[in-house]
Amino acid sequence: MFAAAIGAGIGGLIIGAFGFNGLFITMAIIQIIAAFVAYKVFYHKV
């Protein structure tokens, strides 16, 4: 519940500062970083 509350608060701050376009751009950047990290973990050579 705390993570959801913190996420909602951060989302509200981003919307207040940059509008919904800024929120969608921020979400896209976070998803690209997450995909890169998942790729590195999945294809990690030992």
Protein backbone atom coordinates (compact mmCIF):
# COMPACT_ATOMS: atom_id res chain seq x y z
CA MET A 1 0.00 0.00 0.00
CA PHE A 2 2.88 2.36 0.71
CA ALA A 3 4.36 1.77 -2.75
CA ALA A 4 1.01 2.56 -4.39
CA ALA A 5 0.67 5.73 -2.32
CA ILE A 6 4.20 6.85 -3.14
CA GLY A 7 3.68 6.09 -6.84
CA ALA A 8 0.44 8.08 -6.90
CA GLY A 9 2.18 10.99 -5.20
CA ILE A 10 5.09 10.97 -7.64
CA GLY A 11 2.66 10.68 -10.56
CA GLY A 12 0.74 13.68 -9.25
CA LEU A 13 3.92 15.71 -8.99
CA ILE A 14 4.93 14.82 -12.55
CA ILE A 15 1.46 15.71 -13.88
CA GLY A 16 1.55 18.98 -11.97
CA ALA A 17 4.96 19.89 -13.37
CA PHE A 18 4.83 18.54 -16.93
CA GLY A 19 1.22 17.50 -17.64
CA PHE A 20 0.04 14.15 -18.92
CA ASN A 21 2.50 14.13 -21.82
CA GLY A 22 5.35 14.36 -19.31
CA LEU A 23 3.85 11.48 -17.36
CA PHE A 24 3.64 9.26 -20.44
CA ILE A 25 7.18 10.13 -21.48
CA THR A 26 8.43 9.35 -17.97
CA MET A 27 6.59 6.02 -17.98
CA ALA A 28 8.07 5.16 -21.40
CA ILE A 29 11.60 5.92 -20.18
CA ILE A 30 11.10 3.77 -17.07
CA GLN A 31 9.78 0.88 -19.21
CA ILE A 32 12.73 1.11 -21.62
CA ILE A 33 15.16 0.98 -18.68
CA ALA A 34 13.26 -1.98 -17.19
CA ALA A 35 13.35 -3.84 -20.52
CA PHE A 36 17.10 -3.24 -20.80
CA VAL A 37 17.70 -4.53 -17.26
CA ALA A 38 15.50 -7.59 -17.89
CA TYR A 39 17.39 -8.30 -21.12
CA LYS A 40 20.74 -8.07 -19.33
CA VAL A 41 19.57 -10.38 -16.53
CA PHE A 42 17.96 -12.90 -18.89
CA TYR A 43 20.90 -13.14 -21.26
CA HIS A 44 23.63 -12.82 -18.66
CA LYS A 45 26.60 -15.03 -19.55
CA VAL A 46 28.27 -16.61 -16.54
